Amino acid sequence: MMKPSKIVCVGRNYAAHAAELNNPIPAEPLLFIKPPSSLASLPNVAIPTQQGACHHELELAVQVGERLRRVTPQRALEALCQVTLALDLTLRDVQDKLKQQGQPWERAKAFDGACVLAPWLPITDSAALQSATFELYCDAQLRQQGDAQQMLLPIAELVAHISHVFTLEPGDIVLTGTPAGVGPLTVGQQLDLHLHIAGQSYQWQGQVQAND
């Protein structure tokens, strides 16, 4: 298993999600980084409970298998080796305060356990990535439903763009943005994550726990 040097995330890559938070769509991708210490694995979804609301943001995640620096979209697509779903956990009240103060978001998005991954799946058909769909259920109620075809910047173009900002090393992870439907998590909730890709369907479960 390759260890990432960083997890690169993109904000507002789905128009409906930007709209639900009353955020404008940026002229270029809104990038931020989570450290490897933020990684966690299903079924454990551990959230801070003393810092206001912690929101789920379900995203399609891809892993880079080769070093990428200033590459084309086609080259970026060819270098992707694994795919899964990720929960980009966000301390929303903290983030809102940071935004008001013009400060970066790390306190809201880079805490320990803030990037929860389902098991990785090998990419056998890179072209199928852009037709993937996915859902998140909280206590059997549909919360988020995503379609990669609705991304404002498709996966290949996104990874290529990132490679012109940061060199991507083997093992690095890219979170491709969250669709509409983000909302608060509560301790004890049962989460069901569904991914449909390349004619196959996958399902994983998680349990929300306190992490204080």
N, C-alpha and C. Protein backbone atom coordinates (compact mmCIF):
# COMPACT_ATOMS: atom_id res chain seq x y z
N MET A 1 0.84 -1.19 0.00
CA MET A 1 0.00 0.00 0.00
C MET A 1 0.88 1.25 0.00
N MET A 2 0.69 2.11 -0.98
CA MET A 2 1.46 3.34 -1.07
C MET A 2 0.96 4.35 -0.05
N LYS A 3 1.89 5.00 0.63
CA LYS A 3 1.53 6.03 1.60
C LYS A 3 1.59 7.40 0.92
N PRO A 4 0.54 8.19 1.07
CA PRO A 4 0.53 9.50 0.42
C PRO A 4 1.40 10.51 1.16
N SER A 5 1.97 11.43 0.40
CA SER A 5 2.65 12.57 1.02
C SER A 5 1.65 13.66 1.34
N LYS A 6 0.49 13.62 0.68
CA LYS A 6 -0.55 14.63 0.89
C LYS A 6 -1.87 14.15 0.29
N ILE A 7 -2.94 14.77 0.74
CA ILE A 7 -4.27 14.57 0.17
C ILE A 7 -4.71 15.92 -0.36
N VAL A 8 -4.88 16.01 -1.67
CA VAL A 8 -5.27 17.28 -2.29
C VAL A 8 -6.78 17.27 -2.51
N CYS A 9 -7.44 18.31 -2.04
CA CYS A 9 -8.90 18.40 -2.12
C CYS A 9 -9.30 19.61 -2.96
N VAL A 10 -10.50 19.52 -3.53
CA VAL A 10 -11.02 20.64 -4.31
C VAL A 10 -12.39 21.03 -3.77
N GLY A 11 -12.58 22.32 -3.60
CA GLY A 11 -13.86 22.82 -3.14
C GLY A 11 -14.71 23.30 -4.31
N ARG A 12 -16.02 23.15 -4.14
CA ARG A 12 -16.99 23.71 -5.10
C ARG A 12 -16.81 23.17 -6.51
N ASN A 13 -16.65 21.84 -6.63
CA ASN A 13 -16.54 21.24 -7.97
C ASN A 13 -17.88 20.73 -8.47
N TYR A 14 -18.94 20.94 -7.68
CA TYR A 14 -20.31 20.67 -8.11
C TYR A 14 -21.11 21.95 -7.87
N ALA A 15 -21.79 22.42 -8.91
CA ALA A 15 -22.49 23.70 -8.81
C ALA A 15 -23.55 23.70 -7.71
N ALA A 16 -24.27 22.58 -7.56
CA ALA A 16 -25.35 22.53 -6.57
C ALA A 16 -24.82 22.63 -5.15
N HIS A 17 -23.64 22.07 -4.91
CA HIS A 17 -23.06 22.18 -3.56
C HIS A 17 -22.63 23.61 -3.27
N ALA A 18 -22.03 24.26 -4.25
CA ALA A 18 -21.66 25.67 -4.05
C ALA A 18 -22.90 26.50 -3.73
N ALA A 19 -23.99 26.21 -4.44
CA ALA A 19 -25.22 26.98 -4.24
C ALA A 19 -25.82 26.75 -2.85
N GLU A 20 -25.77 25.49 -2.35
CA GLU A 20 -26.41 25.22 -1.06
C GLU A 20 -25.69 25.93 0.09
N LEU A 21 -24.42 26.25 -0.08
CA LEU A 21 -23.68 26.99 0.95
C LEU A 21 -23.54 28.47 0.61
N ASN A 22 -24.27 28.90 -0.43
CA ASN A 22 -24.24 30.30 -0.86
C ASN A 22 -22.83 30.77 -1.21
N ASN A 23 -22.08 29.87 -1.84
CA ASN A 23 -20.72 30.20 -2.26
C ASN A 23 -20.66 30.41 -3.77
N PRO A 24 -19.90 31.38 -4.24
CA PRO A 24 -19.73 31.54 -5.68
C PRO A 24 -18.87 30.42 -6.24
N ILE A 25 -19.05 30.14 -7.52
CA ILE A 25 -18.19 29.16 -8.19
C ILE A 25 -16.88 29.85 -8.56
N PRO A 26 -15.75 29.33 -8.11
CA PRO A 26 -14.47 30.01 -8.36
C PRO A 26 -14.07 29.95 -9.83
N ALA A 27 -13.29 30.92 -10.25
CA ALA A 27 -12.83 30.96 -11.64
C ALA A 27 -11.85 29.83 -11.94
N GLU A 28 -11.11 29.37 -10.94
CA GLU A 28 -10.23 28.23 -11.08
C GLU A 28 -10.39 27.35 -9.85
N PRO A 29 -9.97 26.09 -9.92
CA PRO A 29 -10.22 25.16 -8.81
C PRO A 29 -9.74 25.69 -7.46
N LEU A 30 -10.59 25.53 -6.46
CA LEU A 30 -10.27 25.94 -5.10
C LEU A 30 -9.61 24.75 -4.39
N LEU A 31 -8.30 24.80 -4.25
CA LEU A 31 -7.53 23.66 -3.74
C LEU A 31 -7.11 23.87 -2.29
N PHE A 32 -7.10 22.78 -1.54
CA PHE A 32 -6.52 22.78 -0.20
C PHE A 32 -5.97 21.38 0.08
N ILE A 33 -5.16 21.26 1.11
CA ILE A 33 -4.47 20.00 1.39
C ILE A 33 -4.81 19.51 2.79
N LYS A 34 -5.01 18.20 2.89
CA LYS A 34 -5.09 17.53 4.18
C LYS A 34 -3.79 16.75 4.39
N PRO A 35 -3.29 16.68 5.61
CA PRO A 35 -2.07 15.91 5.87
C PRO A 35 -2.38 14.42 5.98
N PRO A 36 -1.38 13.56 5.83
CA PRO A 36 -1.61 12.12 6.01
C PRO A 36 -2.18 11.77 7.38
N SER A 37 -1.90 12.58 8.40
CA SER A 37 -2.43 12.31 9.74
C SER A 37 -3.95 12.45 9.81
N SER A 38 -4.57 13.01 8.77
CA SER A 38 -6.03 13.13 8.75
C SER A 38 -6.71 11.86 8.27
N LEU A 39 -5.94 10.90 7.77
CA LEU A 39 -6.53 9.69 7.19
C LEU A 39 -7.10 8.77 8.26
N ALA A 40 -8.25 8.18 7.93
CA ALA A 40 -8.89 7.15 8.74
C ALA A 40 -9.59 6.20 7.78
N SER A 41 -9.95 5.04 8.27
CA SER A 41 -10.57 4.02 7.42
C SER A 41 -11.93 3.61 7.99
N LEU A 42 -12.88 3.37 7.08
CA LEU A 42 -14.15 2.80 7.52
C LEU A 42 -13.89 1.47 8.20
N PRO A 43 -14.71 1.07 9.18
CA PRO A 43 -16.02 1.63 9.53
C PRO A 43 -15.98 2.77 10.55
N ASN A 44 -14.79 3.15 11.03
CA ASN A 44 -14.72 4.16 12.08
C ASN A 44 -14.80 5.57 11.51
N VAL A 45 -15.81 6.31 11.92
CA VAL A 45 -15.96 7.72 11.55
C VAL A 45 -16.01 8.50 12.86
N ALA A 46 -14.87 9.03 13.26
CA ALA A 46 -14.74 9.68 14.57
C ALA A 46 -14.77 11.19 14.41
N ILE A 47 -15.71 11.84 15.09
CA ILE A 47 -15.89 13.28 14.92
C ILE A 47 -15.67 14.02 16.24
N PRO A 48 -15.08 15.23 16.17
CA PRO A 48 -15.03 16.07 17.37
C PRO A 48 -16.46 16.50 17.73
N THR A 49 -16.77 16.54 19.00
CA THR A 49 -18.13 16.91 19.42
C THR A 49 -18.18 18.21 20.21
N GLN A 50 -17.04 18.85 20.41
CA GLN A 50 -17.00 20.07 21.22
C GLN A 50 -16.71 21.32 20.40
N GLN A 51 -16.78 21.21 19.06
CA GLN A 51 -16.42 22.34 18.21
C GLN A 51 -17.52 22.70 17.22
N GLY A 52 -18.76 22.44 17.59
CA GLY A 52 -19.87 22.74 16.70
C GLY A 52 -20.14 21.62 15.72
N ALA A 53 -20.89 21.94 14.69
CA ALA A 53 -21.34 20.93 13.73
C ALA A 53 -20.17 20.36 12.94
N CYS A 54 -20.20 19.03 12.76
CA CYS A 54 -19.25 18.34 11.88
C CYS A 54 -20.04 17.77 10.72
N HIS A 55 -19.79 18.26 9.53
CA HIS A 55 -20.55 17.86 8.35
C HIS A 55 -19.85 16.74 7.58
N HIS A 56 -20.66 15.89 6.97
CA HIS A 56 -20.17 14.90 6.01
C HIS A 56 -20.11 15.54 4.62
N GLU A 57 -19.06 15.23 3.89
CA GLU A 57 -18.95 15.60 2.47
C GLU A 57 -18.44 14.36 1.74
N LEU A 58 -19.34 13.67 1.06
CA LEU A 58 -18.98 12.44 0.35
C LEU A 58 -18.33 12.79 -0.98
N GLU A 59 -17.20 12.14 -1.27
CA GLU A 59 -16.46 12.47 -2.49
C GLU A 59 -15.87 11.21 -3.14
N LEU A 60 -15.71 11.28 -4.44
CA LEU A 60 -14.96 10.27 -5.16
C LEU A 60 -13.47 10.59 -4.98
N ALA A 61 -12.70 9.59 -4.55
CA ALA A 61 -11.27 9.78 -4.32
C ALA A 61 -10.47 8.91 -5.27
N VAL A 62 -9.37 9.44 -5.78
CA VAL A 62 -8.48 8.67 -6.65
C VAL A 62 -7.06 8.75 -6.09
N GLN A 63 -6.29 7.71 -6.38
CA GLN A 63 -4.89 7.68 -5.93
C GLN A 63 -3.97 7.68 -7.14
N VAL A 64 -2.90 8.44 -7.02
CA VAL A 64 -1.91 8.59 -8.09
C VAL A 64 -0.86 7.50 -7.96
N GLY A 65 -0.55 6.83 -9.07
CA GLY A 65 0.43 5.75 -9.04
C GLY A 65 1.81 6.14 -9.51
N GLU A 66 1.95 7.34 -10.08
CA GLU A 66 3.23 7.78 -10.61
C GLU A 66 3.43 9.26 -10.28
N ARG A 67 4.68 9.70 -10.34
CA ARG A 67 4.97 11.11 -10.09
C ARG A 67 4.42 11.94 -11.25
N LEU A 68 3.67 12.98 -10.90
CA LEU A 68 3.07 13.84 -11.92
C LEU A 68 3.48 15.29 -11.67
N ARG A 69 4.05 15.90 -12.69
CA ARG A 69 4.42 17.31 -12.60
C ARG A 69 4.13 17.97 -13.94
N ARG A 70 3.19 18.87 -13.94
CA ARG A 70 2.82 19.64 -15.14
C ARG A 70 2.49 18.72 -16.31
N VAL A 71 1.51 17.86 -16.09
CA VAL A 71 1.15 16.87 -17.12
C VAL A 71 -0.16 17.26 -17.81
N THR A 72 -0.45 16.56 -18.89
CA THR A 72 -1.70 16.75 -19.62
C THR A 72 -2.81 15.95 -18.94
N PRO A 73 -4.07 16.28 -19.23
CA PRO A 73 -5.17 15.49 -18.68
C PRO A 73 -5.08 14.00 -19.03
N GLN A 74 -4.71 13.68 -20.24
CA GLN A 74 -4.60 12.27 -20.62
C GLN A 74 -3.52 11.56 -19.81
N ARG A 75 -2.40 12.23 -19.63
CA ARG A 75 -1.32 11.63 -18.83
C ARG A 75 -1.75 11.48 -17.37
N ALA A 76 -2.47 12.45 -16.86
CA ALA A 76 -2.97 12.37 -15.49
C ALA A 76 -3.91 11.18 -15.32
N LEU A 77 -4.81 11.00 -16.28
CA LEU A 77 -5.76 9.89 -16.20
C LEU A 77 -5.05 8.55 -16.21
N GLU A 78 -4.03 8.43 -17.05
CA GLU A 78 -3.29 7.17 -17.15
C GLU A 78 -2.54 6.83 -15.87
N ALA A 79 -2.22 7.83 -15.07
CA ALA A 79 -1.42 7.62 -13.86
C ALA A 79 -2.25 7.26 -12.64
N LEU A 80 -3.57 7.32 -12.75
CA LEU A 80 -4.43 7.00 -11.61
C LEU A 80 -4.53 5.49 -11.45
N CYS A 81 -4.33 5.00 -10.23
CA CYS A 81 -4.26 3.55 -10.04
C CYS A 81 -5.38 2.97 -9.18
N GLN A 82 -5.98 3.77 -8.29
CA GLN A 82 -7.02 3.25 -7.42
C GLN A 82 -8.11 4.30 -7.22
N VAL A 83 -9.31 3.81 -6.88
CA VAL A 83 -10.45 4.69 -6.66
C VAL A 83 -11.23 4.20 -5.45
N THR A 84 -11.87 5.11 -4.76
CA THR A 84 -12.75 4.74 -3.65
C THR A 84 -13.64 5.94 -3.32
N LEU A 85 -14.39 5.83 -2.23
CA LEU A 85 -15.15 6.95 -1.70
C LEU A 85 -14.47 7.48 -0.45
N ALA A 86 -14.61 8.77 -0.24
CA ALA A 86 -14.03 9.42 0.94
C ALA A 86 -15.07 10.31 1.59
N LEU A 87 -14.97 10.42 2.90
CA LEU A 87 -15.74 11.41 3.65
C LEU A 87 -14.78 12.53 4.06
N ASP A 88 -14.99 13.70 3.47
CA ASP A 88 -14.23 14.89 3.85
C ASP A 88 -14.98 15.52 5.01
N LEU A 89 -14.59 15.16 6.23
CA LEU A 89 -15.27 15.69 7.41
C LEU A 89 -14.89 17.15 7.63
N THR A 90 -15.91 17.96 7.91
CA THR A 90 -15.70 19.40 7.98
C THR A 90 -16.37 19.98 9.22
N LEU A 91 -15.60 20.64 10.06
CA LEU A 91 -16.16 21.37 11.19
C LEU A 91 -16.75 22.68 10.65
N ARG A 92 -18.06 22.64 10.34
CA ARG A 92 -18.67 23.72 9.58
C ARG A 92 -18.68 25.04 10.35
N ASP A 93 -18.99 25.01 11.63
CA ASP A 93 -19.00 26.26 12.40
C ASP A 93 -17.60 26.87 12.47
N VAL A 94 -16.61 26.01 12.63
CA VAL A 94 -15.22 26.48 12.65
C VAL A 94 -14.84 27.05 11.29
N GLN A 95 -15.23 26.35 10.22
CA GLN A 95 -14.91 26.83 8.87
C GLN A 95 -15.55 28.19 8.59
N ASP A 96 -16.82 28.34 8.98
CA ASP A 96 -17.51 29.61 8.75
C ASP A 96 -16.79 30.75 9.45
N LYS A 97 -16.33 30.51 10.66
CA LYS A 97 -15.62 31.54 11.41
C LYS A 97 -14.28 31.87 10.74
N LEU A 98 -13.59 30.83 10.28
CA LEU A 98 -12.31 31.05 9.59
C LEU A 98 -12.51 31.87 8.31
N LYS A 99 -13.58 31.56 7.58
CA LYS A 99 -13.87 32.32 6.35
C LYS A 99 -14.09 33.79 6.68
N GLN A 100 -14.86 34.05 7.72
CA GLN A 100 -15.15 35.44 8.10
C GLN A 100 -13.88 36.20 8.46
N GLN A 101 -12.91 35.48 9.00
CA GLN A 101 -11.65 36.11 9.41
C GLN A 101 -10.60 36.09 8.31
N GLY A 102 -10.96 35.54 7.14
CA GLY A 102 -10.01 35.47 6.03
C GLY A 102 -8.86 34.52 6.27
N GLN A 103 -9.09 33.50 7.10
CA GLN A 103 -8.04 32.56 7.44
C GLN A 103 -8.21 31.25 6.68
N PRO A 104 -7.13 30.46 6.55
CA PRO A 104 -7.23 29.16 5.87
C PRO A 104 -8.07 28.18 6.68
N TRP A 105 -8.41 27.05 6.05
CA TRP A 105 -9.42 26.14 6.59
C TRP A 105 -8.87 24.95 7.37
N GLU A 106 -7.57 24.85 7.54
CA GLU A 106 -7.01 23.62 8.10
C GLU A 106 -7.63 23.21 9.43
N ARG A 107 -7.94 24.14 10.30
CA ARG A 107 -8.53 23.79 11.59
C ARG A 107 -9.87 23.08 11.42
N ALA A 108 -10.55 23.36 10.31
CA ALA A 108 -11.87 22.78 10.07
C ALA A 108 -11.82 21.50 9.26
N LYS A 109 -10.73 21.27 8.52
CA LYS A 109 -10.72 20.17 7.57
C LYS A 109 -9.51 19.25 7.67
N ALA A 110 -8.53 19.57 8.48
CA ALA A 110 -7.28 18.79 8.50
C ALA A 110 -7.01 18.12 9.84
N PHE A 111 -8.02 18.06 10.70
CA PHE A 111 -7.83 17.44 12.01
C PHE A 111 -7.68 15.92 11.86
N ASP A 112 -7.19 15.27 12.90
CA ASP A 112 -7.01 13.81 12.87
C ASP A 112 -8.34 13.14 12.56
N GLY A 113 -8.33 12.26 11.56
CA GLY A 113 -9.53 11.52 11.19
C GLY A 113 -10.47 12.26 10.26
N ALA A 114 -10.05 13.40 9.71
CA ALA A 114 -10.93 14.22 8.88
C ALA A 114 -11.08 13.71 7.45
N CYS A 115 -10.31 12.69 7.08
CA CYS A 115 -10.42 12.12 5.73
C CYS A 115 -10.62 10.61 5.88
N VAL A 116 -11.87 10.18 5.83
CA VAL A 116 -12.22 8.78 6.05
C VAL A 116 -12.35 8.09 4.69
N LEU A 117 -11.59 7.02 4.50
CA LEU A 117 -11.59 6.31 3.22
C LEU A 117 -12.26 4.95 3.32
N ALA A 118 -13.02 4.61 2.29
CA ALA A 118 -13.47 3.24 2.09
C ALA A 118 -12.31 2.44 1.50
N PRO A 119 -12.39 1.12 1.42
CA PRO A 119 -11.31 0.34 0.83
C PRO A 119 -11.05 0.73 -0.63
N TRP A 120 -9.78 0.73 -0.99
CA TRP A 120 -9.39 1.08 -2.36
C TRP A 120 -9.78 -0.02 -3.34
N LEU A 121 -10.12 0.41 -4.56
CA LEU A 121 -10.43 -0.50 -5.66
C LEU A 121 -9.47 -0.20 -6.80
N PRO A 122 -8.88 -1.22 -7.43
CA PRO A 122 -7.99 -0.95 -8.57
C PRO A 122 -8.78 -0.37 -9.74
N ILE A 123 -8.17 0.56 -10.43
CA ILE A 123 -8.81 1.15 -11.62
C ILE A 123 -8.48 0.27 -12.82
N THR A 124 -9.48 -0.37 -13.36
CA THR A 124 -9.29 -1.23 -14.53
C THR A 124 -9.73 -0.54 -15.82
N ASP A 125 -10.52 0.51 -15.69
CA ASP A 125 -11.00 1.26 -16.85
C ASP A 125 -11.04 2.73 -16.46
N SER A 126 -9.96 3.45 -16.76
CA SER A 126 -9.88 4.84 -16.32
C SER A 126 -10.97 5.71 -16.95
N ALA A 127 -11.41 5.34 -18.15
CA ALA A 127 -12.46 6.12 -18.80
C ALA A 127 -13.78 6.04 -18.04
N ALA A 128 -13.96 4.98 -17.26
CA ALA A 128 -15.21 4.80 -16.51
C ALA A 128 -15.30 5.70 -15.29
N LEU A 129 -14.18 6.29 -14.88
CA LEU A 129 -14.20 7.15 -13.69
C LEU A 129 -15.21 8.27 -13.82
N GLN A 130 -15.28 8.87 -15.01
CA GLN A 130 -16.12 10.05 -15.18
C GLN A 130 -17.60 9.72 -15.27
N SER A 131 -17.96 8.43 -15.29
CA SER A 131 -19.37 8.05 -15.28
C SER A 131 -19.76 7.41 -13.95
N ALA A 132 -18.89 7.48 -12.95
CA ALA A 132 -19.20 6.91 -11.63
C ALA A 132 -20.32 7.69 -10.96
N THR A 133 -21.13 6.97 -10.19
CA THR A 133 -22.15 7.59 -9.35
C THR A 133 -21.98 7.06 -7.93
N PHE A 134 -22.48 7.80 -6.95
CA PHE A 134 -22.27 7.39 -5.56
C PHE A 134 -23.33 8.03 -4.67
N GLU A 135 -23.57 7.38 -3.50
CA GLU A 135 -24.58 7.87 -2.57
C GLU A 135 -24.10 7.68 -1.13
N LEU A 136 -24.65 8.51 -0.26
CA LEU A 136 -24.44 8.38 1.18
C LEU A 136 -25.80 8.34 1.86
N TYR A 137 -25.99 7.31 2.68
CA TYR A 137 -27.19 7.18 3.51
C TYR A 137 -26.79 7.32 4.97
N CYS A 138 -27.56 8.11 5.72
CA CYS A 138 -27.37 8.24 7.17
C CYS A 138 -28.61 7.68 7.84
N ASP A 139 -28.43 6.61 8.61
CA ASP A 139 -29.56 5.91 9.24
C ASP A 139 -30.63 5.61 8.20
N ALA A 140 -30.19 5.07 7.06
CA ALA A 140 -31.05 4.59 5.97
C ALA A 140 -31.74 5.71 5.19
N GLN A 141 -31.42 6.96 5.46
CA GLN A 141 -31.99 8.07 4.71
C GLN A 141 -30.95 8.64 3.76
N LEU A 142 -31.34 8.81 2.49
CA LEU A 142 -30.42 9.33 1.49
C LEU A 142 -30.05 10.77 1.82
N ARG A 143 -28.76 11.02 1.95
CA ARG A 143 -28.27 12.37 2.23
C ARG A 143 -27.59 13.01 1.02
N GLN A 144 -26.72 12.25 0.36
CA GLN A 144 -26.00 12.79 -0.79
C GLN A 144 -26.03 11.81 -1.95
N GLN A 145 -26.12 12.37 -3.14
CA GLN A 145 -26.14 11.57 -4.37
C GLN A 145 -25.28 12.30 -5.40
N GLY A 146 -24.22 11.64 -5.85
CA GLY A 146 -23.27 12.28 -6.75
C GLY A 146 -23.16 11.58 -8.09
N ASP A 147 -22.87 12.35 -9.10
CA ASP A 147 -22.65 11.85 -10.45
C ASP A 147 -21.41 12.57 -10.99
N ALA A 148 -20.35 11.81 -11.25
CA ALA A 148 -19.09 12.42 -11.67
C ALA A 148 -19.24 13.23 -12.95
N GLN A 149 -20.25 12.94 -13.75
CA GLN A 149 -20.46 13.70 -14.98
C GLN A 149 -20.90 15.14 -14.69
N GLN A 150 -21.32 15.40 -13.45
CA GLN A 150 -21.75 16.75 -13.10
C GLN A 150 -20.63 17.60 -12.50
N MET A 151 -19.42 17.04 -12.43
CA MET A 151 -18.30 17.83 -11.93
C MET A 151 -18.04 19.03 -12.85
N LEU A 152 -17.76 20.17 -12.26
CA LEU A 152 -17.43 21.35 -13.06
C LEU A 152 -16.10 21.16 -13.78
N LEU A 153 -15.15 20.51 -13.12
CA LEU A 153 -13.87 20.19 -13.74
C LEU A 153 -13.71 18.67 -13.67
N PRO A 154 -13.74 17.99 -14.80
CA PRO A 154 -13.64 16.52 -14.79
C PRO A 154 -12.34 16.03 -14.16
N ILE A 155 -12.33 14.77 -13.79
CA ILE A 155 -11.23 14.20 -13.01
C ILE A 155 -9.89 14.38 -13.69
N ALA A 156 -9.79 14.03 -14.97
CA ALA A 156 -8.50 14.12 -15.66
C ALA A 156 -7.99 15.56 -15.68
N GLU A 157 -8.89 16.51 -15.98
CA GLU A 157 -8.49 17.92 -16.01
C GLU A 157 -8.13 18.42 -14.61
N LEU A 158 -8.86 17.94 -13.60
CA LEU A 158 -8.58 18.35 -12.23
C LEU A 158 -7.19 17.89 -11.79
N VAL A 159 -6.88 16.61 -12.00
CA VAL A 159 -5.58 16.08 -11.58
C VAL A 159 -4.46 16.77 -12.35
N ALA A 160 -4.67 17.01 -13.64
CA ALA A 160 -3.66 17.71 -14.43
C ALA A 160 -3.44 19.12 -13.89
N HIS A 161 -4.54 19.81 -13.58
CA HIS A 161 -4.41 21.16 -13.03
C HIS A 161 -3.62 21.14 -11.72
N ILE A 162 -3.94 20.19 -10.85
CA ILE A 162 -3.22 20.09 -9.58
C ILE A 162 -1.73 19.89 -9.81
N SER A 163 -1.39 19.09 -10.84
CA SER A 163 0.02 18.80 -11.10
C SER A 163 0.80 20.03 -11.55
N HIS A 164 0.09 21.08 -11.96
CA HIS A 164 0.75 22.34 -12.30
C HIS A 164 0.89 23.25 -11.08
N VAL A 165 0.25 22.86 -9.97
CA VAL A 165 0.35 23.63 -8.73
C VAL A 165 1.26 22.94 -7.72
N PHE A 166 1.02 21.63 -7.53
CA PHE A 166 1.85 20.80 -6.65
C PHE A 166 2.31 19.59 -7.44
N THR A 167 3.54 19.18 -7.29
CA THR A 167 3.96 17.89 -7.83
C THR A 167 3.26 16.79 -7.04
N LEU A 168 2.62 15.88 -7.76
CA LEU A 168 1.94 14.75 -7.13
C LEU A 168 2.89 13.56 -7.10
N GLU A 169 3.07 12.98 -5.93
CA GLU A 169 3.97 11.85 -5.75
C GLU A 169 3.16 10.55 -5.74
N PRO A 170 3.80 9.41 -6.06
CA PRO A 170 3.10 8.13 -5.99
C PRO A 170 2.47 7.93 -4.61
N GLY A 171 1.20 7.58 -4.61
CA GLY A 171 0.47 7.40 -3.36
C GLY A 171 -0.39 8.58 -2.98
N ASP A 172 -0.13 9.75 -3.56
CA ASP A 172 -0.94 10.92 -3.23
C ASP A 172 -2.40 10.68 -3.61
N ILE A 173 -3.28 11.30 -2.85
CA ILE A 173 -4.72 11.12 -3.01
C ILE A 173 -5.35 12.44 -3.44
N VAL A 174 -6.30 12.35 -4.37
CA VAL A 174 -7.06 13.53 -4.79
C VAL A 174 -8.53 13.29 -4.48
N LEU A 175 -9.13 14.18 -3.69
CA LEU A 175 -10.56 14.19 -3.46
C LEU A 175 -11.18 15.15 -4.46
N THR A 176 -12.19 14.69 -5.20
CA THR A 176 -12.64 15.39 -6.39
C THR A 176 -13.83 16.31 -6.19
N GLY A 177 -14.23 16.54 -4.95
CA GLY A 177 -15.33 17.46 -4.68
C GLY A 177 -16.59 16.73 -4.24
N THR A 178 -17.44 17.44 -3.53
CA THR A 178 -18.66 16.84 -3.00
C THR A 178 -19.90 17.40 -3.68
N PRO A 179 -20.91 16.56 -3.92
CA PRO A 179 -22.17 17.06 -4.45
C PRO A 179 -23.01 17.70 -3.35
N ALA A 180 -24.19 18.15 -3.71
CA ALA A 180 -25.09 18.77 -2.74
C ALA A 180 -25.56 17.75 -1.70
N GLY A 181 -26.07 18.27 -0.59
CA GLY A 181 -26.63 17.41 0.43
C GLY A 181 -25.80 17.28 1.68
N VAL A 182 -24.73 18.05 1.81
CA VAL A 182 -23.89 17.96 3.00
C VAL A 182 -24.72 18.32 4.23
N GLY A 183 -24.34 17.73 5.37
CA GLY A 183 -25.10 18.00 6.58
C GLY A 183 -24.40 17.46 7.80
N PRO A 184 -24.95 17.74 8.99
CA PRO A 184 -24.28 17.38 10.24
C PRO A 184 -24.36 15.89 10.54
N LEU A 185 -23.30 15.40 11.17
CA LEU A 185 -23.26 14.03 11.67
C LEU A 185 -23.49 14.05 13.18
N THR A 186 -24.07 12.97 13.69
CA THR A 186 -24.27 12.82 15.13
C THR A 186 -23.73 11.47 15.57
N VAL A 187 -23.21 11.43 16.78
CA VAL A 187 -22.66 10.19 17.32
C VAL A 187 -23.73 9.11 17.34
N GLY A 188 -23.36 7.93 16.86
CA GLY A 188 -24.28 6.80 16.82
C GLY A 188 -24.91 6.55 15.47
N GLN A 189 -24.80 7.50 14.55
CA GLN A 189 -25.39 7.30 13.23
C GLN A 189 -24.72 6.15 12.48
N GLN A 190 -25.54 5.43 11.71
CA GLN A 190 -25.06 4.39 10.82
C GLN A 190 -24.95 4.97 9.41
N LEU A 191 -23.80 4.85 8.79
CA LEU A 191 -23.58 5.38 7.45
C LEU A 191 -23.44 4.25 6.45
N ASP A 192 -24.05 4.43 5.29
CA ASP A 192 -23.92 3.49 4.19
C ASP A 192 -23.43 4.25 2.97
N LEU A 193 -22.30 3.83 2.41
CA LEU A 193 -21.70 4.46 1.25
C LEU A 193 -21.81 3.51 0.07
N HIS A 194 -22.30 4.02 -1.06
CA HIS A 194 -22.48 3.21 -2.25
C HIS A 194 -21.70 3.83 -3.41
N LEU A 195 -20.99 3.00 -4.15
CA LEU A 195 -20.26 3.44 -5.34
C LEU A 195 -20.63 2.53 -6.51
N HIS A 196 -20.96 3.16 -7.64
CA HIS A 196 -21.30 2.43 -8.86
C HIS A 196 -20.32 2.87 -9.95
N ILE A 197 -19.52 1.93 -10.44
CA ILE A 197 -18.47 2.29 -11.40
C ILE A 197 -18.13 1.09 -12.27
N ALA A 198 -17.94 1.34 -13.56
CA ALA A 198 -17.54 0.30 -14.51
C ALA A 198 -18.44 -0.93 -14.44
N GLY A 199 -19.73 -0.70 -14.29
CA GLY A 199 -20.69 -1.80 -14.27
C GLY A 199 -20.75 -2.58 -12.97
N GLN A 200 -20.04 -2.12 -11.94
CA GLN A 200 -20.03 -2.80 -10.65
C GLN A 200 -20.54 -1.86 -9.56
N SER A 201 -21.10 -2.46 -8.51
CA SER A 201 -21.58 -1.68 -7.37
C SER A 201 -20.89 -2.17 -6.10
N TYR A 202 -20.55 -1.22 -5.24
CA TYR A 202 -19.85 -1.52 -3.99
C TYR A 202 -20.56 -0.79 -2.85
N GLN A 203 -20.57 -1.40 -1.69
CA GLN A 203 -21.22 -0.81 -0.53
C GLN A 203 -20.35 -0.99 0.70
N TRP A 204 -20.21 0.08 1.49
CA TRP A 204 -19.45 0.03 2.74
C TRP A 204 -20.27 0.70 3.83
N GLN A 205 -19.99 0.33 5.06
CA GLN A 205 -20.70 0.89 6.20
C GLN A 205 -19.75 1.58 7.17
N GLY A 206 -20.28 2.55 7.88
CA GLY A 206 -19.51 3.24 8.90
C GLY A 206 -20.38 3.56 10.10
N GLN A 207 -19.73 3.82 11.21
CA GLN A 207 -20.43 4.17 12.45
C GLN A 207 -19.80 5.44 13.00
N VAL A 208 -20.63 6.44 13.29
CA VAL A 208 -20.13 7.71 13.80
C VAL A 208 -19.85 7.58 15.30
N GLN A 209 -18.63 7.96 15.68
CA GLN A 209 -18.19 7.91 17.06
C GLN A 209 -17.64 9.26 17.48
N ALA A 210 -17.52 9.47 18.77
CA ALA A 210 -16.93 10.71 19.28
C ALA A 210 -15.41 10.61 19.28
N ASN A 211 -14.76 11.72 18.94
CA ASN A 211 -13.30 11.78 18.92
C ASN A 211 -12.87 13.07 19.62
N ASP A 212 -12.88 13.04 20.94
CA ASP A 212 -12.53 14.24 21.72
C ASP A 212 -11.41 13.93 22.71
